Amino acid sequence: MAAMIPFIANMANNSTTPNASSIAMPIAATNTTPPMRAVAPLPPLPLPGTELNACLRDFHELKGVDLTSSEAPLLALELTPDIIPGVPVSRLCEITDVIEGKMWRFQAFCRDWTTRLEENRQKE
């Protein structure tokens, strides 16, 4: 509609039929569709038995919380990222000597991390 205003104003000012040079042409609409994003390559899958280490490193890198010192006590009880979401937070805090808030975050991270790991394994 806004593109038509100059055309209408020009017609009102000219009593004769406008010629082609006096007609304001609307500006062509540009494509506003965002470009397709490239899909990021999948990170390498952790080797069997190294999942906890990879999960702890990813948690530190992505969330800024370093729980790598908790790896040994968790491994001693065979608590891996797929099992950690089902363990009571109070028990995880007792095992690792980590405060509750950090453990709640880690437990939620393990749940998501394990889901992504399984999806990536199915793609390969």
PDB file of N, CA and C in Angstrom:
ATOM      1  N   MET A   1       0.820  -1.184   0.000  1.00  0.00           N
ATOM      2  CA  MET A   1       0.000   0.000   0.000  1.00  0.00           C
ATOM      3  C   MET A   1       0.865   1.249   0.000  1.00  0.00           C
ATOM      4  N   ALA A   2       1.920   1.255   0.806  1.00  0.00           N
ATOM      5  CA  ALA A   2       2.795   2.418   0.884  1.00  0.00           C
ATOM      6  C   ALA A   2       3.474   2.682  -0.444  1.00  0.00           C
ATOM      7  N   ALA A   3       3.734   1.642  -1.212  1.00  0.00           N
ATOM      8  CA  ALA A   3       4.372   1.816  -2.513  1.00  0.00           C
ATOM      9  C   ALA A   3       3.430   2.470  -3.512  1.00  0.00           C
ATOM     10  N   MET A   4       2.142   2.422  -3.283  1.00  0.00           N
ATOM     11  CA  MET A   4       1.159   3.003  -4.190  1.00  0.00           C
ATOM     12  C   MET A   4       0.956   4.492  -3.956  1.00  0.00           C
ATOM     13  N   ILE A   5       1.332   5.023  -2.815  1.00  0.00           N
ATOM     14  CA  ILE A   5       1.104   6.431  -2.481  1.00  0.00           C
ATOM     15  C   ILE A   5       1.728   7.369  -3.504  1.00  0.00           C
ATOM     16  N   PRO A   6       3.015   7.179  -3.898  1.00  0.00           N
ATOM     17  CA  PRO A   6       3.567   8.094  -4.907  1.00  0.00           C
ATOM     18  C   PRO A   6       2.797   8.029  -6.230  1.00  0.00           C
ATOM     19  N   PHE A   7       2.342   6.878  -6.614  1.00  0.00           N
ATOM     20  CA  PHE A   7       1.580   6.715  -7.849  1.00  0.00           C
ATOM     21  C   PHE A   7       0.266   7.486  -7.778  1.00  0.00           C
ATOM     22  N   ILE A   8      -0.448   7.358  -6.680  1.00  0.00           N
ATOM     23  CA  ILE A   8      -1.732   8.042  -6.510  1.00  0.00           C
ATOM     24  C   ILE A   8      -1.525   9.556  -6.465  1.00  0.00           C
ATOM     25  N   ALA A   9      -0.480   9.988  -5.739  1.00  0.00           N
ATOM     26  CA  ALA A   9      -0.185  11.419  -5.667  1.00  0.00           C
ATOM     27  C   ALA A   9       0.158  11.963  -7.042  1.00  0.00           C
ATOM     28  N   ASN A  10       0.903  11.235  -7.838  1.00  0.00           N
ATOM     29  CA  ASN A  10       1.283  11.653  -9.184  1.00  0.00           C
ATOM     30  C   ASN A  10       0.046  11.760 -10.071  1.00  0.00           C
ATOM     31  N   MET A  11      -0.876  10.823  -9.922  1.00  0.00           N
ATOM     32  CA  MET A  11      -2.097  10.864 -10.727  1.00  0.00           C
ATOM     33  C   MET A  11      -2.942  12.074 -10.348  1.00  0.00           C
ATOM     34  N   ALA A  12      -2.980  12.410  -9.074  1.00  0.00           N
ATOM     35  CA  ALA A  12      -3.776  13.555  -8.633  1.00  0.00           C
ATOM     36  C   ALA A  12      -3.186  14.863  -9.173  1.00  0.00           C
ATOM     37  N   ASN A  13      -1.858  14.951  -9.293  1.00  0.00           N
ATOM     38  CA  ASN A  13      -1.195  16.156  -9.780  1.00  0.00           C
ATOM     39  C   ASN A  13      -1.288  16.286 -11.300  1.00  0.00           C
ATOM     40  N   ASN A  14      -1.401  15.205 -12.018  1.00  0.00           N
ATOM     41  CA  ASN A  14      -1.491  15.237 -13.485  1.00  0.00           C
ATOM     42  C   ASN A  14      -2.928  15.001 -13.905  1.00  0.00           C
ATOM     43  N   SER A  15      -3.443  15.898 -14.725  1.00  0.00           N
ATOM     44  CA  SER A  15      -4.823  15.714 -15.192  1.00  0.00           C
ATOM     45  C   SER A  15      -4.873  14.799 -16.393  1.00  0.00           C
ATOM     46  N   THR A  16      -3.725  14.545 -17.018  1.00  0.00           N
ATOM     47  CA  THR A  16      -3.688  13.653 -18.162  1.00  0.00           C
ATOM     48  C   THR A  16      -3.292  12.271 -17.715  1.00  0.00           C
ATOM     49  N   THR A  17      -3.400  11.337 -18.570  1.00  0.00           N
ATOM     50  CA  THR A  17      -3.016   9.964 -18.276  1.00  0.00           C
ATOM     51  C   THR A  17      -1.513   9.909 -18.102  1.00  0.00           C
ATOM     52  N   PRO A  18      -1.038   9.329 -17.030  1.00  0.00           N
ATOM     53  CA  PRO A  18       0.411   9.286 -16.808  1.00  0.00           C
ATOM     54  C   PRO A  18       1.090   8.400 -17.837  1.00  0.00           C
ATOM     55  N   ASN A  19       2.293   8.802 -18.228  1.00  0.00           N
ATOM     56  CA  ASN A  19       3.050   7.944 -19.125  1.00  0.00           C
ATOM     57  C   ASN A  19       3.894   6.984 -18.298  1.00  0.00           C
ATOM     58  N   ALA A  20       4.552   6.074 -18.944  1.00  0.00           N
ATOM     59  CA  ALA A  20       5.295   5.021 -18.244  1.00  0.00           C
ATOM     60  C   ALA A  20       6.389   5.578 -17.351  1.00  0.00           C
ATOM     61  N   SER A  21       7.008   6.710 -17.737  1.00  0.00           N
ATOM     62  CA  SER A  21       8.110   7.242 -16.930  1.00  0.00           C
ATOM     63  C   SER A  21       7.620   7.906 -15.659  1.00  0.00           C
ATOM     64  N   SER A  22       6.337   8.283 -15.594  1.00  0.00           N
ATOM     65  CA  SER A  22       5.851   8.951 -14.393  1.00  0.00           C
ATOM     66  C   SER A  22       5.201   8.009 -13.392  1.00  0.00           C
ATOM     67  N   ILE A  23       5.090   6.745 -13.741  1.00  0.00           N
ATOM     68  CA  ILE A  23       4.470   5.774 -12.841  1.00  0.00           C
ATOM     69  C   ILE A  23       5.531   5.256 -11.878  1.00  0.00           C
ATOM     70  N   ALA A  24       5.273   5.401 -10.591  1.00  0.00           N
ATOM     71  CA  ALA A  24       6.189   4.871  -9.579  1.00  0.00           C
ATOM     72  C   ALA A  24       5.965   3.381  -9.465  1.00  0.00           C
ATOM     73  N   MET A  25       6.999   2.631  -9.701  1.00  0.00           N
ATOM     74  CA  MET A  25       6.891   1.185  -9.637  1.00  0.00           C
ATOM     75  C   MET A  25       7.225   0.734  -8.214  1.00  0.00           C
ATOM     76  N   PRO A  26       6.436  -0.138  -7.669  1.00  0.00           N
ATOM     77  CA  PRO A  26       6.759  -0.637  -6.328  1.00  0.00           C
ATOM     78  C   PRO A  26       8.067  -1.416  -6.359  1.00  0.00           C
ATOM     79  N   ILE A  27       8.780  -1.342  -5.254  1.00  0.00           N
ATOM     80  CA  ILE A  27      10.040  -2.064  -5.119  1.00  0.00           C
ATOM     81  C   ILE A  27       9.731  -3.543  -4.955  1.00  0.00           C
ATOM     82  N   ALA A  28      10.448  -4.349  -5.678  1.00  0.00           N
ATOM     83  CA  ALA A  28      10.235  -5.791  -5.597  1.00  0.00           C
ATOM     84  C   ALA A  28      10.520  -6.277  -4.175  1.00  0.00           C
ATOM     85  N   ALA A  29       9.672  -7.137  -3.701  1.00  0.00           N
ATOM     86  CA  ALA A  29       9.854  -7.697  -2.367  1.00  0.00           C
ATOM     87  C   ALA A  29      11.079  -8.590  -2.368  1.00  0.00           C
ATOM     88  N   THR A  30      11.840  -8.497  -1.297  1.00  0.00           N
ATOM     89  CA  THR A  30      13.011  -9.360  -1.174  1.00  0.00           C
ATOM     90  C   THR A  30      12.617 -10.624  -0.444  1.00  0.00           C
ATOM     91  N   ASN A  31      13.347 -11.648  -0.685  1.00  0.00           N
ATOM     92  CA  ASN A  31      13.087 -12.920  -0.029  1.00  0.00           C
ATOM     93  C   ASN A  31      13.465 -12.789   1.440  1.00  0.00           C
ATOM     94  N   THR A  32      12.494 -12.931   2.337  1.00  0.00           N
ATOM     95  CA  THR A  32      12.758 -12.809   3.764  1.00  0.00           C
ATOM     96  C   THR A  32      12.919 -14.157   4.442  1.00  0.00           C
ATOM     97  N   THR A  33      12.929 -15.220   3.658  1.00  0.00           N
ATOM     98  CA  THR A  33      13.120 -16.544   4.233  1.00  0.00           C
ATOM     99  C   THR A  33      14.563 -16.677   4.688  1.00  0.00           C
ATOM    100  N   PRO A  34      14.788 -17.023   5.970  1.00  0.00           N
ATOM    101  CA  PRO A  34      16.170 -17.156   6.433  1.00  0.00           C
ATOM    102  C   PRO A  34      16.872 -18.289   5.699  1.00  0.00           C
ATOM    103  N   PRO A  35      18.154 -18.135   5.463  1.00  0.00           N
ATOM    104  CA  PRO A  35      18.878 -19.207   4.771  1.00  0.00           C
ATOM    105  C   PRO A  35      18.927 -20.463   5.629  1.00  0.00           C
ATOM    106  N   MET A  36      19.021 -21.600   4.977  1.00  0.00           N
ATOM    107  CA  MET A  36      19.123 -22.873   5.692  1.00  0.00           C
ATOM    108  C   MET A  36      20.431 -22.906   6.460  1.00  0.00           C
ATOM    109  N   ARG A  37      20.364 -23.339   7.684  1.00  0.00           N
ATOM    110  CA  ARG A  37      21.574 -23.462   8.480  1.00  0.00           C
ATOM    111  C   ARG A  37      22.238 -24.787   8.175  1.00  0.00           C
ATOM    112  N   ALA A  38      23.544 -24.730   8.123  1.00  0.00           N
ATOM    113  CA  ALA A  38      24.284 -25.973   7.933  1.00  0.00           C
ATOM    114  C   ALA A  38      24.184 -26.781   9.220  1.00  0.00           C
ATOM    115  N   VAL A  39      23.997 -28.056   9.094  1.00  0.00           N
ATOM    116  CA  VAL A  39      23.906 -28.927  10.259  1.00  0.00           C
ATOM    117  C   VAL A  39      25.318 -29.184  10.764  1.00  0.00           C
ATOM    118  N   ALA A  40      25.512 -28.921  12.042  1.00  0.00           N
ATOM    119  CA  ALA A  40      26.831 -29.137  12.640  1.00  0.00           C
ATOM    120  C   ALA A  40      27.144 -30.626  12.636  1.00  0.00           C
ATOM    121  N   PRO A  41      28.392 -30.966  12.347  1.00  0.00           N
ATOM    122  CA  PRO A  41      28.742 -32.379  12.368  1.00  0.00           C
ATOM    123  C   PRO A  41      28.616 -32.930  13.785  1.00  0.00           C
ATOM    124  N   LEU A  42      28.279 -34.181  13.855  1.00  0.00           N
ATOM    125  CA  LEU A  42      28.154 -34.816  15.166  1.00  0.00           C
ATOM    126  C   LEU A  42      29.528 -34.936  15.808  1.00  0.00           C
ATOM    127  N   PRO A  43      29.600 -34.681  17.115  1.00  0.00           N
ATOM    128  CA  PRO A  43      30.883 -34.893  17.779  1.00  0.00           C
ATOM    129  C   PRO A  43      31.193 -36.380  17.784  1.00  0.00           C
ATOM    130  N   PRO A  44      32.468 -36.718  17.872  1.00  0.00           N
ATOM    131  CA  PRO A  44      32.787 -38.147  17.898  1.00  0.00           C
ATOM    132  C   PRO A  44      32.142 -38.818  19.105  1.00  0.00           C
ATOM    133  N   LEU A  45      31.657 -40.003  18.887  1.00  0.00           N
ATOM    134  CA  LEU A  45      31.046 -40.748  19.986  1.00  0.00           C
ATOM    135  C   LEU A  45      32.123 -41.196  20.957  1.00  0.00           C
ATOM    136  N   PRO A  46      31.835 -41.129  22.259  1.00  0.00           N
ATOM    137  CA  PRO A  46      32.820 -41.620  23.214  1.00  0.00           C
ATOM    138  C   PRO A  46      32.966 -43.133  23.102  1.00  0.00           C
ATOM    139  N   LEU A  47      34.153 -43.595  23.334  1.00  0.00           N
ATOM    140  CA  LEU A  47      34.393 -45.035  23.330  1.00  0.00           C
ATOM    141  C   LEU A  47      33.647 -45.669  24.501  1.00  0.00           C
ATOM    142  N   PRO A  48      33.214 -46.913  24.343  1.00  0.00           N
ATOM    143  CA  PRO A  48      32.556 -47.588  25.460  1.00  0.00           C
ATOM    144  C   PRO A  48      33.455 -47.555  26.702  1.00  0.00           C
ATOM    145  N   GLY A  49      32.846 -47.205  27.809  1.00  0.00           N
ATOM    146  CA  GLY A  49      33.587 -47.119  29.066  1.00  0.00           C
ATOM    147  C   GLY A  49      34.118 -45.724  29.357  1.00  0.00           C
ATOM    148  N   THR A  50      34.028 -44.801  28.393  1.00  0.00           N
ATOM    149  CA  THR A  50      34.515 -43.432  28.617  1.00  0.00           C
ATOM    150  C   THR A  50      33.365 -42.421  28.642  1.00  0.00           C
ATOM    151  N   GLU A  51      32.141 -42.911  28.665  1.00  0.00           N
ATOM    152  CA  GLU A  51      30.984 -42.027  28.610  1.00  0.00           C
ATOM    153  C   GLU A  51      30.948 -41.042  29.772  1.00  0.00           C
ATOM    154  N   LEU A  52      31.239 -41.506  30.987  1.00  0.00           N
ATOM    155  CA  LEU A  52      31.188 -40.617  32.146  1.00  0.00           C
ATOM    156  C   LEU A  52      32.217 -39.500  32.003  1.00  0.00           C
ATOM    157  N   ASN A  53      33.415 -39.845  31.583  1.00  0.00           N
ATOM    158  CA  ASN A  53      34.447 -38.838  31.395  1.00  0.00           C
ATOM    159  C   ASN A  53      34.014 -37.805  30.354  1.00  0.00           C
ATOM    160  N   ALA A  54      33.467 -38.275  29.232  1.00  0.00           N
ATOM    161  CA  ALA A  54      33.014 -37.363  28.172  1.00  0.00           C
ATOM    162  C   ALA A  54      31.876 -36.475  28.665  1.00  0.00           C
ATOM    163  N   CYS A  55      30.955 -37.048  29.419  1.00  0.00           N
ATOM    164  CA  CYS A  55      29.825 -36.290  29.946  1.00  0.00           C
ATOM    165  C   CYS A  55      30.307 -35.219  30.924  1.00  0.00           C
ATOM    166  N   LEU A  56      31.215 -35.574  31.807  1.00  0.00           N
ATOM    167  CA  LEU A  56      31.759 -34.604  32.772  1.00  0.00           C
ATOM    168  C   LEU A  56      32.503 -33.475  32.055  1.00  0.00           C
ATOM    169  N   ARG A  57      33.263 -33.811  31.008  1.00  0.00           N
ATOM    170  CA  ARG A  57      33.982 -32.779  30.234  1.00  0.00           C
ATOM    171  C   ARG A  57      32.999 -31.859  29.523  1.00  0.00           C
ATOM    172  N   ASP A  58      31.959 -32.453  28.917  1.00  0.00           N
ATOM    173  CA  ASP A  58      30.951 -31.645  28.224  1.00  0.00           C
ATOM    174  C   ASP A  58      30.206 -30.736  29.202  1.00  0.00           C
ATOM    175  N   PHE A  59      29.893 -31.256  30.381  1.00  0.00           N
ATOM    176  CA  PHE A  59      29.212 -30.458  31.405  1.00  0.00           C
ATOM    177  C   PHE A  59      30.081 -29.268  31.806  1.00  0.00           C
ATOM    178  N   HIS A  60      31.360 -29.525  31.995  1.00  0.00           N
ATOM    179  CA  HIS A  60      32.280 -28.444  32.354  1.00  0.00           C
ATOM    180  C   HIS A  60      32.362 -27.411  31.236  1.00  0.00           C
ATOM    181  N   GLU A  61      32.492 -27.888  30.001  1.00  0.00           N
ATOM    182  CA  GLU A  61      32.635 -26.996  28.853  1.00  0.00           C
ATOM    183  C   GLU A  61      31.360 -26.199  28.579  1.00  0.00           C
ATOM    184  N   LEU A  62      30.213 -26.859  28.635  1.00  0.00           N
ATOM    185  CA  LEU A  62      28.960 -26.210  28.270  1.00  0.00           C
ATOM    186  C   LEU A  62      28.293 -25.443  29.405  1.00  0.00           C
ATOM    187  N   LYS A  63      28.448 -25.918  30.613  1.00  0.00           N
ATOM    188  CA  LYS A  63      27.772 -25.289  31.753  1.00  0.00           C
ATOM    189  C   LYS A  63      28.722 -24.556  32.694  1.00  0.00           C
ATOM    190  N   GLY A  64      30.020 -24.752  32.503  1.00  0.00           N
ATOM    191  CA  GLY A  64      30.995 -24.055  33.336  1.00  0.00           C
ATOM    192  C   GLY A  64      31.117 -24.605  34.741  1.00  0.00           C
ATOM    193  N   VAL A  65      30.653 -25.810  34.955  1.00  0.00           N
ATOM    194  CA  VAL A  65      30.726 -26.438  36.280  1.00  0.00           C
ATOM    195  C   VAL A  65      31.659 -27.634  36.172  1.00  0.00           C
ATOM    196  N   ASP A  66      32.740 -27.590  36.936  1.00  0.00           N
ATOM    197  CA  ASP A  66      33.746 -28.650  36.873  1.00  0.00           C
ATOM    198  C   ASP A  66      33.483 -29.701  37.951  1.00  0.00           C
ATOM    199  N   LEU A  67      33.005 -30.847  37.512  1.00  0.00           N
ATOM    200  CA  LEU A  67      32.778 -31.973  38.425  1.00  0.00           C
ATOM    201  C   LEU A  67      33.699 -33.140  38.082  1.00  0.00           C
ATOM    202  N   THR A  68      34.770 -32.866  37.352  1.00  0.00           N
ATOM    203  CA  THR A  68      35.656 -33.948  36.919  1.00  0.00           C
ATOM    204  C   THR A  68      36.279 -34.694  38.095  1.00  0.00           C
ATOM    205  N   SER A  69      36.391 -34.034  39.228  1.00  0.00           N
ATOM    206  CA  SER A  69      36.931 -34.729  40.404  1.00  0.00           C
ATOM    207  C   SER A  69      35.948 -35.773  40.945  1.00  0.00           C
ATOM    208  N   SER A  70      34.716 -35.745  40.473  1.00  0.00           N
ATOM    209  CA  SER A  70      33.698 -36.710  40.910  1.00  0.00           C
ATOM    210  C   SER A  70      33.718 -37.991  40.088  1.00  0.00           C
ATOM    211  N   GLU A  71      34.563 -38.037  39.064  1.00  0.00           N
ATOM    212  CA  GLU A  71      34.561 -39.206  38.185  1.00  0.00           C
ATOM    213  C   GLU A  71      34.905 -40.495  38.932  1.00  0.00           C
ATOM    214  N   ALA A  72      35.955 -40.498  39.712  1.00  0.00           N
ATOM    215  CA  ALA A  72      36.392 -41.725  40.391  1.00  0.00           C
ATOM    216  C   ALA A  72      35.327 -42.290  41.330  1.00  0.00           C
ATOM    217  N   PRO A  73      34.736 -41.466  42.219  1.00  0.00           N
ATOM    218  CA  PRO A  73      33.715 -42.053  43.098  1.00  0.00           C
ATOM    219  C   PRO A  73      32.474 -42.542  42.338  1.00  0.00           C
ATOM    220  N   LEU A  74      32.118 -41.866  41.252  1.00  0.00           N
ATOM    221  CA  LEU A  74      30.969 -42.317  40.462  1.00  0.00           C
ATOM    222  C   LEU A  74      31.290 -43.622  39.746  1.00  0.00           C
ATOM    223  N   LEU A  75      32.488 -43.709  39.176  1.00  0.00           N
ATOM    224  CA  LEU A  75      32.895 -44.945  38.493  1.00  0.00           C
ATOM    225  C   LEU A  75      33.028 -46.114  39.461  1.00  0.00           C
ATOM    226  N   ALA A  76      33.470 -45.829  40.682  1.00  0.00           N
ATOM    227  CA  ALA A  76      33.625 -46.892  41.678  1.00  0.00           C
ATOM    228  C   ALA A  76      32.295 -47.600  41.941  1.00  0.00           C
ATOM    229  N   LEU A  77      31.204 -46.858  41.793  1.00  0.00           N
ATOM    230  CA  LEU A  77      29.873 -47.432  42.000  1.00  0.00           C
ATOM    231  C   LEU A  77      29.171 -47.719  40.670  1.00  0.00           C
ATOM    232  N   GLU A  78      29.921 -47.608  39.565  1.00  0.00           N
ATOM    233  CA  GLU A  78      29.401 -47.835  38.215  1.00  0.00           C
ATOM    234  C   GLU A  78      28.187 -46.954  37.913  1.00  0.00           C
ATOM    235  N   LEU A  79      28.253 -45.707  38.361  1.00  0.00           N
ATOM    236  CA  LEU A  79      27.196 -44.746  38.075  1.00  0.00           C
ATOM    237  C   LEU A  79      27.582 -43.970  36.818  1.00  0.00           C
ATOM    238  N   THR A  80      26.954 -44.318  35.725  1.00  0.00           N
ATOM    239  CA  THR A  80      27.239 -43.745  34.417  1.00  0.00           C
ATOM    240  C   THR A  80      26.149 -42.727  34.058  1.00  0.00           C
ATOM    241  N   PRO A  81      26.366 -41.907  33.013  1.00  0.00           N
ATOM    242  CA  PRO A  81      25.389 -40.871  32.676  1.00  0.00           C
ATOM    243  C   PRO A  81      23.973 -41.378  32.441  1.00  0.00           C
ATOM    244  N   ASP A  82      23.830 -42.600  31.984  1.00  0.00           N
ATOM    245  CA  ASP A  82      22.485 -43.129  31.759  1.00  0.00           C
ATOM    246  C   ASP A  82      21.795 -43.527  33.063  1.00  0.00           C
ATOM    247  N   ILE A  83      22.565 -43.770  34.114  1.00  0.00           N
ATOM    248  CA  ILE A  83      22.019 -44.190  35.411  1.00  0.00           C
ATOM    249  C   ILE A  83      21.837 -42.996  36.353  1.00  0.00           C
ATOM    250  N   ILE A  84      22.708 -42.006  36.249  1.00  0.00           N
ATOM    251  CA  ILE A  84      22.729 -40.871  37.184  1.00  0.00           C
ATOM    252  C   ILE A  84      21.370 -40.180  37.324  1.00  0.00           C
ATOM    253  N   PRO A  85      20.579 -39.981  36.253  1.00  0.00           N
ATOM    254  CA  PRO A  85      19.285 -39.321  36.448  1.00  0.00           C
ATOM    255  C   PRO A  85      18.333 -40.073  37.371  1.00  0.00           C
ATOM    256  N   GLY A  86      18.517 -41.364  37.560  1.00  0.00           N
ATOM    257  CA  GLY A  86      17.643 -42.148  38.427  1.00  0.00           C
ATOM    258  C   GLY A  86      18.118 -42.264  39.861  1.00  0.00           C
ATOM    259  N   VAL A  87      19.291 -41.733  40.141  1.00  0.00           N
ATOM    260  CA  VAL A  87      19.846 -41.817  41.501  1.00  0.00           C
ATOM    261  C   VAL A  87      19.392 -40.583  42.284  1.00  0.00           C
ATOM    262  N   PRO A  88      18.929 -40.769  43.517  1.00  0.00           N
ATOM    263  CA  PRO A  88      18.527 -39.601  44.310  1.00  0.00           C
ATOM    264  C   PRO A  88      19.682 -38.594  44.432  1.00  0.00           C
ATOM    265  N   VAL A  89      19.355 -37.329  44.295  1.00  0.00           N
ATOM    266  CA  VAL A  89      20.369 -36.270  44.356  1.00  0.00           C
ATOM    267  C   VAL A  89      21.111 -36.310  45.690  1.00  0.00           C
ATOM    268  N   SER A  90      20.400 -36.587  46.764  1.00  0.00           N
ATOM    269  CA  SER A  90      21.062 -36.639  48.073  1.00  0.00           C
ATOM    270  C   SER A  90      22.159 -37.705  48.089  1.00  0.00           C
ATOM    271  N   ARG A  91      21.904 -38.838  47.456  1.00  0.00           N
ATOM    272  CA  ARG A  91      22.903 -39.917  47.389  1.00  0.00           C
ATOM    273  C   ARG A  91      24.086 -39.485  46.518  1.00  0.00           C
ATOM    274  N   LEU A  92      23.827 -38.828  45.387  1.00  0.00           N
ATOM    275  CA  LEU A  92      24.911 -38.360  44.530  1.00  0.00           C
ATOM    276  C   LEU A  92      25.777 -37.325  45.245  1.00  0.00           C
ATOM    277  N   CYS A  93      25.127 -36.458  46.021  1.00  0.00           N
ATOM    278  CA  CYS A  93      25.875 -35.458  46.792  1.00  0.00           C
ATOM    279  C   CYS A  93      26.762 -36.137  47.843  1.00  0.00           C
ATOM    280  N   GLU A  94      26.235 -37.166  48.455  1.00  0.00           N
ATOM    281  CA  GLU A  94      26.983 -37.921  49.469  1.00  0.00           C
ATOM    282  C   GLU A  94      28.200 -38.603  48.839  1.00  0.00           C
ATOM    283  N   ILE A  95      28.021 -39.186  47.677  1.00  0.00           N
ATOM    284  CA  ILE A  95      29.093 -39.916  46.987  1.00  0.00           C
ATOM    285  C   ILE A  95      30.191 -38.971  46.507  1.00  0.00           C
ATOM    286  N   THR A  96      29.785 -37.820  45.978  1.00  0.00           N
ATOM    287  CA  THR A  96      30.735 -36.932  45.304  1.00  0.00           C
ATOM    288  C   THR A  96      31.177 -35.735  46.125  1.00  0.00           C
ATOM    289  N   ASP A  97      30.494 -35.450  47.212  1.00  0.00           N
ATOM    290  CA  ASP A  97      30.764 -34.273  48.037  1.00  0.00           C
ATOM    291  C   ASP A  97      30.551 -32.983  47.224  1.00  0.00           C
ATOM    292  N   VAL A  98      29.527 -33.012  46.365  1.00  0.00           N
ATOM    293  CA  VAL A  98      29.147 -31.866  45.535  1.00  0.00           C
ATOM    294  C   VAL A  98      27.859 -31.288  46.102  1.00  0.00           C
ATOM    295  N   ILE A  99      27.719 -29.959  46.064  1.00  0.00           N
ATOM    296  CA  ILE A  99      26.513 -29.346  46.607  1.00  0.00           C
ATOM    297  C   ILE A  99      25.298 -29.688  45.740  1.00  0.00           C
ATOM    298  N   GLU A 100      24.152 -29.633  46.371  1.00  0.00           N
ATOM    299  CA  GLU A 100      22.914 -30.110  45.771  1.00  0.00           C
ATOM    300  C   GLU A 100      22.552 -29.409  44.456  1.00  0.00           C
ATOM    301  N   GLY A 101      22.665 -28.092  44.399  1.00  0.00           N
ATOM    302  CA  GLY A 101      22.294 -27.357  43.189  1.00  0.00           C
ATOM    303  C   GLY A 101      23.096 -27.794  41.972  1.00  0.00           C
ATOM    304  N   LYS A 102      24.397 -27.964  42.172  1.00  0.00           N
ATOM    305  CA  LYS A 102      25.236 -28.431  41.064  1.00  0.00           C
ATOM    306  C   LYS A 102      24.853 -29.836  40.649  1.00  0.00           C
ATOM    307  N   MET A 103      24.493 -30.655  41.611  1.00  0.00           N
ATOM    308  CA  MET A 103      24.135 -32.039  41.291  1.00  0.00           C
ATOM    309  C   MET A 103      22.797 -32.106  40.560  1.00  0.00           C
ATOM    310  N   TRP A 104      21.840 -31.245  40.924  1.00  0.00           N
ATOM    311  CA  TRP A 104      20.576 -31.201  40.186  1.00  0.00           C
ATOM    312  C   TRP A 104      20.841 -30.832  38.725  1.00  0.00           C
ATOM    313  N   ARG A 105      21.715 -29.834  38.522  1.00  0.00           N
ATOM    314  CA  ARG A 105      22.054 -29.427  37.148  1.00  0.00           C
ATOM    315  C   ARG A 105      22.744 -30.557  36.401  1.00  0.00           C
ATOM    316  N   PHE A 106      23.664 -31.241  37.080  1.00  0.00           N
ATOM    317  CA  PHE A 106      24.380 -32.334  36.429  1.00  0.00           C
ATOM    318  C   PHE A 106      23.439 -33.488  36.099  1.00  0.00           C
ATOM    319  N   GLN A 107      22.540 -33.786  36.982  1.00  0.00           N
ATOM    320  CA  GLN A 107      21.592 -34.866  36.752  1.00  0.00           C
ATOM    321  C   GLN A 107      20.715 -34.562  35.521  1.00  0.00           C
ATOM    322  N   ALA A 108      20.231 -33.332  35.404  1.00  0.00           N
ATOM    323  CA  ALA A 108      19.434 -32.938  34.232  1.00  0.00           C
ATOM    324  C   ALA A 108      20.295 -32.976  32.973  1.00  0.00           C
ATOM    325  N   PHE A 109      21.541 -32.543  33.077  1.00  0.00           N
ATOM    326  CA  PHE A 109      22.457 -32.564  31.938  1.00  0.00           C
ATOM    327  C   PHE A 109      22.693 -34.004  31.483  1.00  0.00           C
ATOM    328  N   CYS A 110      22.875 -34.922  32.426  1.00  0.00           N
ATOM    329  CA  CYS A 110      23.086 -36.337  32.085  1.00  0.00           C
ATOM    330  C   CYS A 110      21.896 -36.894  31.320  1.00  0.00           C
ATOM    331  N   ARG A 111      20.697 -36.517  31.727  1.00  0.00           N
ATOM    332  CA  ARG A 111      19.494 -36.999  31.049  1.00  0.00           C
ATOM    333  C   ARG A 111      19.513 -36.560  29.584  1.00  0.00           C
ATOM    334  N   ASP A 112      19.759 -35.278  29.341  1.00  0.00           N
ATOM    335  CA  ASP A 112      19.796 -34.758  27.971  1.00  0.00           C
ATOM    336  C   ASP A 112      20.989 -35.304  27.196  1.00  0.00           C
ATOM    337  N   TRP A 113      22.131 -35.392  27.845  1.00  0.00           N
ATOM    338  CA  TRP A 113      23.362 -35.865  27.209  1.00  0.00           C
ATOM    339  C   TRP A 113      23.187 -37.304  26.735  1.00  0.00           C
ATOM    340  N   THR A 114      22.587 -38.135  27.577  1.00  0.00           N
ATOM    341  CA  THR A 114      22.377 -39.546  27.236  1.00  0.00           C
ATOM    342  C   THR A 114      21.397 -39.676  26.065  1.00  0.00           C
ATOM    343  N   THR A 115      20.362 -38.854  26.057  1.00  0.00           N
ATOM    344  CA  THR A 115      19.401 -38.874  24.949  1.00  0.00           C
ATOM    345  C   THR A 115      20.101 -38.522  23.639  1.00  0.00           C
ATOM    346  N   ARG A 116      20.908 -37.460  23.651  1.00  0.00           N
ATOM    347  CA  ARG A 116      21.640 -37.068  22.433  1.00  0.00           C
ATOM    348  C   ARG A 116      22.626 -38.145  22.015  1.00  0.00           C
ATOM    349  N   LEU A 117      23.289 -38.771  22.975  1.00  0.00           N
ATOM    350  CA  LEU A 117      24.242 -39.826  22.674  1.00  0.00           C
ATOM    351  C   LEU A 117      23.541 -40.981  21.963  1.00  0.00           C
ATOM    352  N   GLU A 118      22.403 -41.388  22.477  1.00  0.00           N
ATOM    353  CA  GLU A 118      21.653 -42.485  21.859  1.00  0.00           C
ATOM    354  C   GLU A 118      21.182 -42.114  20.455  1.00  0.00           C
ATOM    355  N   GLU A 119      20.723 -40.878  20.276  1.00  0.00           N
ATOM    356  CA  GLU A 119      20.307 -40.425  18.940  1.00  0.00           C
ATOM    357  C   GLU A 119      21.488 -40.451  17.976  1.00  0.00           C
ATOM    358  N   ASN A 120      22.645 -40.003  18.435  1.00  0.00           N
ATOM    359  CA  ASN A 120      23.846 -40.004  17.587  1.00  0.00           C
ATOM    360  C   ASN A 120      24.293 -41.412  17.242  1.00  0.00           C
ATOM    361  N   ARG A 121      24.175 -42.329  18.189  1.00  0.00           N
ATOM    362  CA  ARG A 121      24.548 -43.716  17.923  1.00  0.00           C
ATOM    363  C   ARG A 121      23.625 -44.341  16.872  1.00  0.00           C
ATOM    364  N   GLN A 122      22.358 -43.974  16.910  1.00  0.00           N
ATOM    365  CA  GLN A 122      21.411 -44.512  15.933  1.00  0.00           C
ATOM    366  C   GLN A 122      21.678 -43.964  14.529  1.00  0.00           C
ATOM    367  N   LYS A 123      22.224 -42.752  14.440  1.00  0.00           N
ATOM    368  CA  LYS A 123      22.521 -42.140  13.144  1.00  0.00           C
ATOM    369  C   LYS A 123      23.759 -42.743  12.486  1.00  0.00           C
ATOM    370  N   GLU A 124      24.618 -43.300  13.294  1.00  0.00           N
ATOM    371  CA  GLU A 124      25.862 -43.854  12.735  1.00  0.00           C
ATOM    372  C   GLU A 124      25.726 -45.297  12.366  1.00  0.00           C
TER     373      GLU A 124
END
